[in-house]
Amino acid sequence: MATCYRHPNRETGVSCSNCGKPICPDCMTATPVGMRCPDCSRQRTQTRSLQSLAVDPIATYVLIALNVLVFFGVASSPGAENDLTLFASGRFEFGGPLHGVAEGEYWRLISTGFLHVDYWHIGLNMLALYWLGRMIEPALGHARFVAIYLTSLLTGSLLVLILQPNVETLGASGAVYGLLGAAIVMARNRDIDLIQSGLLPILGLNFVITLLFGFSLAAHVGGLVGGLVVTFVVEELAKRRRTSTVPAVAFCALVSVASIAGSIYVASN
């Protein structure tokens, strides 16, 4: 990925619409004909929006498609949901045995994040994923965006197994909360007002909805904390290294592996 011509330690997927120089969010000036660098716009005004980027959020669309495909696949396959939902240990239900992470079904730590109860459940989660993905994926790049998403999903699963090990948990909301945490970190680093941007009010509203409707608070908090922590490190790496994608993805992978190991340990004890 190219780096900003004024900030060589920042990767970017956006170029000046006039001269073609790569520019980071802090160097962008929005004009009717696209993003301009400070030289071409003849001013040094900083753009204060995470949504003013011109890169297609391909990974966001792929994740939405995967969630939708799994939703309809499970709906057409009776019993599939029982094989994918997250809970710790085996038990009996409807006359047959159900197994969990403790029995070696480790895929549940990931598959749970692609399951949804009904149309309104997947609709709300995919709407949030679409909004957040279009906001932050262009600034992060596809690889780092997916890494943060999956890491948040796994940290959410870990906290569920710590606090609610035998409560069936499903939905992409843990990963979505992680993306919300990522957006908060990125906005703060770019001096975007968290209240005016709507990020903190939306976070507060979502926690109220979580408590009122009995959604998995553990998955939401775990995903949010995971997203906040890994995005903070990813952003710090971007400031200090010319090429930060590989170290950032490696760090997310390390946190993911630690979350998986912790989940297996908790589920088995």
Protein backbone atom coordinates (compact mmCIF):
# COMPACT_ATOMS: atom_id res chain seq x y z
CA MET A 1 0.00 0.00 0.00
CA ALA A 2 1.21 3.52 -0.80
CA THR A 3 2.22 5.97 1.93
CA CYS A 4 1.23 9.62 2.32
CA TYR A 5 3.65 11.96 0.56
CA ARG A 6 3.65 14.29 3.58
CA HIS A 7 3.58 11.56 6.25
CA PRO A 8 5.72 8.64 4.99
CA ASN A 9 4.86 6.53 8.03
CA ARG A 10 1.13 6.45 7.22
CA GLU A 11 -0.31 4.02 4.68
CA THR A 12 -3.25 5.15 2.57
CA GLY A 13 -5.40 3.99 -0.30
CA VAL A 14 -6.42 7.49 -1.37
CA SER A 15 -4.69 9.78 -3.89
CA CYS A 16 -5.11 13.45 -4.76
CA SER A 17 -7.65 13.74 -7.59
CA ASN A 18 -5.49 16.42 -9.24
CA CYS A 19 -1.82 15.38 -9.00
CA GLY A 20 -2.20 11.74 -7.95
CA LYS A 21 -0.04 11.97 -4.83
CA PRO A 22 -1.04 9.52 -2.06
CA ILE A 23 -2.58 11.37 0.90
CA CYS A 24 -3.64 10.30 4.39
CA PRO A 25 -6.88 11.47 6.10
CA ASP A 26 -5.10 14.39 7.80
CA CYS A 27 -3.91 15.73 4.43
CA MET A 28 -7.20 15.46 2.56
CA THR A 29 -9.33 18.40 1.54
CA ALA A 30 -12.77 17.56 0.15
CA THR A 31 -13.65 19.39 -3.08
CA PRO A 32 -16.50 18.96 -5.60
CA VAL A 33 -14.11 17.01 -7.84
CA GLY A 34 -12.68 14.69 -5.18
CA MET A 35 -9.99 14.69 -2.53
CA ARG A 36 -7.15 17.15 -3.01
CA CYS A 37 -3.76 17.33 -1.33
CA PRO A 38 -2.80 20.53 0.55
CA ASP A 39 -0.65 21.71 -2.37
CA CYS A 40 -3.41 21.37 -4.96
CA SER A 41 -6.15 22.75 -2.76
CA ARG A 42 -3.91 25.73 -1.80
CA GLN A 43 -4.82 25.32 1.83
CA ARG A 44 -3.80 23.15 4.74
CA THR A 45 -7.27 22.49 6.10
CA GLN A 46 -7.57 19.03 7.60
CA THR A 47 -10.53 16.88 6.74
CA ARG A 48 -12.33 15.79 9.93
CA SER A 49 -14.38 12.91 8.65
CA LEU A 50 -13.60 9.21 8.52
CA GLN A 51 -16.19 8.80 5.77
CA SER A 52 -14.53 11.06 3.20
CA LEU A 53 -12.41 8.32 1.66
CA ALA A 54 -12.77 7.03 -1.89
CA VAL A 55 -11.77 3.36 -1.52
CA ASP A 56 -14.43 0.69 -1.89
CA PRO A 57 -14.93 -1.29 1.36
CA ILE A 58 -14.73 -4.66 -0.38
CA ALA A 59 -14.11 -6.64 2.83
CA THR A 60 -17.25 -5.13 4.39
CA TYR A 61 -19.36 -6.32 1.45
CA VAL A 62 -17.79 -9.79 1.62
CA LEU A 63 -18.49 -10.08 5.36
CA ILE A 64 -22.10 -9.00 4.84
CA ALA A 65 -22.48 -11.56 2.04
CA LEU A 66 -21.03 -14.33 4.23
CA ASN A 67 -23.42 -13.50 7.07
CA VAL A 68 -26.41 -13.50 4.72
CA LEU A 69 -25.37 -16.78 3.07
CA VAL A 70 -24.92 -18.49 6.46
CA PHE A 71 -28.29 -17.12 7.63
CA PHE A 72 -30.18 -18.64 4.72
CA GLY A 73 -28.05 -21.79 4.79
CA VAL A 74 -28.89 -22.43 8.44
CA ALA A 75 -32.55 -21.63 7.83
CA SER A 76 -32.69 -24.34 5.16
CA SER A 77 -30.78 -26.92 7.23
CA PRO A 78 -32.61 -28.04 10.40
CA GLY A 79 -30.25 -28.55 13.30
CA ALA A 80 -27.34 -26.65 11.74
CA GLU A 81 -27.67 -23.83 14.26
CA ASN A 82 -27.05 -26.27 17.13
CA ASP A 83 -23.72 -27.23 15.53
CA LEU A 84 -22.54 -23.63 15.24
CA THR A 85 -23.83 -21.75 18.30
CA LEU A 86 -21.36 -20.90 21.05
CA PHE A 87 -21.52 -22.53 24.47
CA ALA A 88 -18.95 -24.27 26.61
CA SER A 89 -19.83 -27.87 27.38
CA GLY A 90 -21.96 -30.69 26.03
CA ARG A 91 -25.49 -31.34 27.23
CA PHE A 92 -28.71 -32.99 26.09
CA GLU A 93 -31.57 -31.23 24.36
CA PHE A 94 -34.53 -32.45 22.29
CA GLY A 95 -33.53 -36.02 23.02
CA GLY A 96 -30.04 -35.81 21.54
CA PRO A 97 -26.56 -34.76 22.66
CA LEU A 98 -25.21 -31.30 22.01
CA HIS A 99 -21.51 -30.58 22.21
CA GLY A 100 -19.48 -27.43 22.80
CA VAL A 101 -16.01 -25.96 22.89
CA ALA A 102 -15.01 -28.26 25.75
CA GLU A 103 -15.65 -31.28 23.49
CA GLY A 104 -13.26 -29.96 20.83
CA GLU A 105 -15.71 -28.07 18.63
CA TYR A 106 -13.48 -25.04 18.47
CA TRP A 107 -15.08 -23.69 15.29
CA ARG A 108 -17.96 -22.47 17.46
CA LEU A 109 -15.73 -19.59 18.60
CA ILE A 110 -15.92 -18.21 15.04
CA SER A 111 -19.12 -19.67 13.62
CA THR A 112 -21.22 -18.07 16.35
CA GLY A 113 -20.39 -14.66 14.87
CA PHE A 114 -22.10 -15.55 11.58
CA LEU A 115 -25.38 -16.81 13.04
CA HIS A 116 -28.57 -14.79 13.49
CA VAL A 117 -31.96 -15.50 15.00
CA ASP A 118 -34.23 -13.85 12.45
CA TYR A 119 -34.51 -11.10 9.84
CA TRP A 120 -34.50 -8.15 12.21
CA HIS A 121 -31.43 -9.55 14.01
CA ILE A 122 -29.32 -9.94 10.90
CA GLY A 123 -30.78 -6.75 9.41
CA LEU A 124 -29.67 -4.56 12.32
CA ASN A 125 -26.22 -6.16 12.54
CA MET A 126 -25.58 -5.91 8.80
CA LEU A 127 -26.75 -2.29 8.76
CA ALA A 128 -24.26 -1.48 11.53
CA LEU A 129 -21.52 -3.43 9.74
CA TYR A 130 -22.24 -1.55 6.50
CA TRP A 131 -22.13 1.84 8.23
CA LEU A 132 -18.96 1.15 10.21
CA GLY A 133 -17.21 -0.67 7.37
CA ARG A 134 -17.72 2.19 4.92
CA MET A 135 -16.43 4.55 7.58
CA ILE A 136 -13.21 2.85 8.64
CA GLU A 137 -12.19 0.14 6.15
CA PRO A 138 -10.81 2.64 3.58
CA ALA A 139 -8.57 4.17 6.26
CA LEU A 140 -7.42 0.82 7.65
CA GLY A 141 -7.08 -1.17 4.46
CA HIS A 142 -8.79 -4.49 3.80
CA ALA A 143 -6.35 -6.74 5.70
CA ARG A 144 -6.28 -4.73 8.91
CA PHE A 145 -10.04 -4.23 8.83
CA VAL A 146 -10.71 -7.98 8.58
CA ALA A 147 -8.08 -8.70 11.25
CA ILE A 148 -9.75 -6.30 13.70
CA TYR A 149 -13.18 -7.74 12.89
CA LEU A 150 -12.17 -11.35 13.53
CA THR A 151 -10.11 -10.50 16.60
CA SER A 152 -13.07 -8.66 18.12
CA LEU A 153 -15.30 -11.63 17.39
CA LEU A 154 -12.89 -13.93 19.25
CA THR A 155 -12.41 -11.63 22.24
CA GLY A 156 -16.20 -11.48 22.47
CA SER A 157 -16.37 -15.27 22.45
CA LEU A 158 -13.74 -15.44 25.19
CA LEU A 159 -15.68 -13.16 27.53
CA VAL A 160 -18.88 -15.12 26.87
CA LEU A 161 -17.18 -18.34 27.94
CA ILE A 162 -15.79 -16.62 31.04
CA LEU A 163 -19.06 -15.03 32.17
CA GLN A 164 -21.83 -17.04 30.46
CA PRO A 165 -20.32 -20.43 29.54
CA ASN A 166 -23.58 -22.34 29.26
CA VAL A 167 -25.73 -19.65 27.66
CA GLU A 168 -26.20 -20.11 23.92
CA THR A 169 -24.73 -17.08 22.12
CA LEU A 170 -24.94 -16.11 18.48
CA GLY A 171 -24.75 -13.02 16.28
CA ALA A 172 -22.22 -10.70 14.66
CA SER A 173 -22.76 -7.98 17.24
CA GLY A 174 -19.56 -8.77 19.18
CA ALA A 175 -17.48 -8.15 16.06
CA VAL A 176 -19.60 -5.10 15.19
CA TYR A 177 -18.96 -3.67 18.66
CA GLY A 178 -15.26 -4.21 17.97
CA LEU A 179 -15.56 -2.12 14.80
CA LEU A 180 -17.34 0.56 16.80
CA GLY A 181 -14.43 0.55 19.23
CA ALA A 182 -12.06 0.81 16.26
CA ALA A 183 -13.97 3.81 14.91
CA ILE A 184 -13.78 5.52 18.32
CA VAL A 185 -10.01 5.05 18.52
CA MET A 186 -9.49 6.27 14.96
CA ALA A 187 -11.75 9.28 15.43
CA ARG A 188 -9.99 10.26 18.64
CA ASN A 189 -6.59 10.01 16.95
CA ARG A 190 -7.81 12.38 14.23
CA ASP A 191 -9.32 14.89 16.67
CA ILE A 192 -12.87 14.12 15.56
CA ASP A 193 -15.40 15.00 18.23
CA LEU A 194 -16.83 11.71 19.53
CA ILE A 195 -20.13 13.29 20.54
CA GLN A 196 -20.74 15.28 17.35
CA SER A 197 -19.70 12.32 15.20
CA GLY A 198 -22.40 10.26 16.90
CA LEU A 199 -20.03 7.46 17.94
CA LEU A 200 -20.44 7.78 21.71
CA PRO A 201 -24.22 8.34 21.57
CA ILE A 202 -24.58 5.29 19.33
CA LEU A 203 -22.42 3.23 21.70
CA GLY A 204 -24.53 4.29 24.67
CA LEU A 205 -27.80 3.60 22.84
CA ASN A 206 -26.62 0.14 21.83
CA PHE A 207 -25.72 -0.75 25.41
CA VAL A 208 -29.18 0.37 26.53
CA ILE A 209 -30.75 -1.85 23.85
CA THR A 210 -28.49 -4.73 24.92
CA LEU A 211 -29.68 -4.46 28.53
CA LEU A 212 -33.35 -3.92 27.70
CA PHE A 213 -33.66 -6.86 25.29
CA GLY A 214 -31.36 -9.27 27.11
CA PHE A 215 -28.73 -9.59 24.40
CA SER A 216 -25.31 -11.03 25.25
CA LEU A 217 -23.64 -8.25 27.22
CA ALA A 218 -20.49 -10.35 27.56
CA ALA A 219 -20.09 -10.72 23.77
CA HIS A 220 -20.66 -7.01 23.25
CA VAL A 221 -18.23 -5.88 25.95
CA GLY A 222 -15.63 -8.45 24.90
CA GLY A 223 -15.84 -7.36 21.27
CA LEU A 224 -15.71 -3.67 22.17
CA VAL A 225 -12.64 -4.08 24.40
CA GLY A 226 -10.93 -6.20 21.76
CA GLY A 227 -11.62 -3.61 19.07
CA LEU A 228 -10.38 -0.74 21.24
CA VAL A 229 -7.14 -2.48 22.23
CA VAL A 230 -6.08 -3.89 18.88
CA THR A 231 -6.98 -0.73 16.97
CA PHE A 232 -4.96 1.37 19.39
CA VAL A 233 -1.92 -0.82 18.68
CA VAL A 234 -2.63 -0.88 14.92
CA GLU A 235 -2.78 2.92 14.85
CA GLU A 236 0.42 3.23 16.87
CA LEU A 237 2.20 0.88 14.47
CA ALA A 238 0.99 3.01 11.55
CA LYS A 239 2.54 6.10 13.13
CA ARG A 240 5.91 4.45 13.72
CA ARG A 241 6.43 2.24 10.66
CA ARG A 242 6.45 2.94 6.96
CA THR A 243 4.79 -0.42 6.27
CA SER A 244 2.54 -1.49 9.12
CA THR A 245 0.08 -3.94 7.58
CA VAL A 246 2.06 -7.11 8.33
CA PRO A 247 2.94 -6.15 11.95
CA ALA A 248 -0.65 -5.03 12.56
CA VAL A 249 -2.16 -8.25 11.21
CA ALA A 250 0.46 -10.26 13.15
CA PHE A 251 -0.54 -8.51 16.38
CA CYS A 252 -4.23 -9.19 15.72
CA ALA A 253 -3.37 -12.82 15.02
CA LEU A 254 -1.49 -13.03 18.32
CA VAL A 255 -4.47 -11.65 20.25
CA SER A 256 -6.79 -14.01 18.36
CA VAL A 257 -4.68 -17.06 19.20
CA ALA A 258 -4.53 -15.97 22.84
CA SER A 259 -8.33 -15.58 22.85
CA ILE A 260 -8.81 -19.03 21.36
CA ALA A 261 -6.42 -20.60 23.88
CA GLY A 262 -8.14 -18.78 26.74
CA SER A 263 -11.57 -19.86 25.51
CA ILE A 264 -10.54 -23.51 25.31
CA TYR A 265 -9.01 -23.37 28.79
CA VAL A 266 -12.08 -21.72 30.32
CA ALA A 267 -14.52 -24.07 28.58
CA SER A 268 -12.57 -27.13 29.74
CA ASN A 269 -12.32 -26.14 33.41
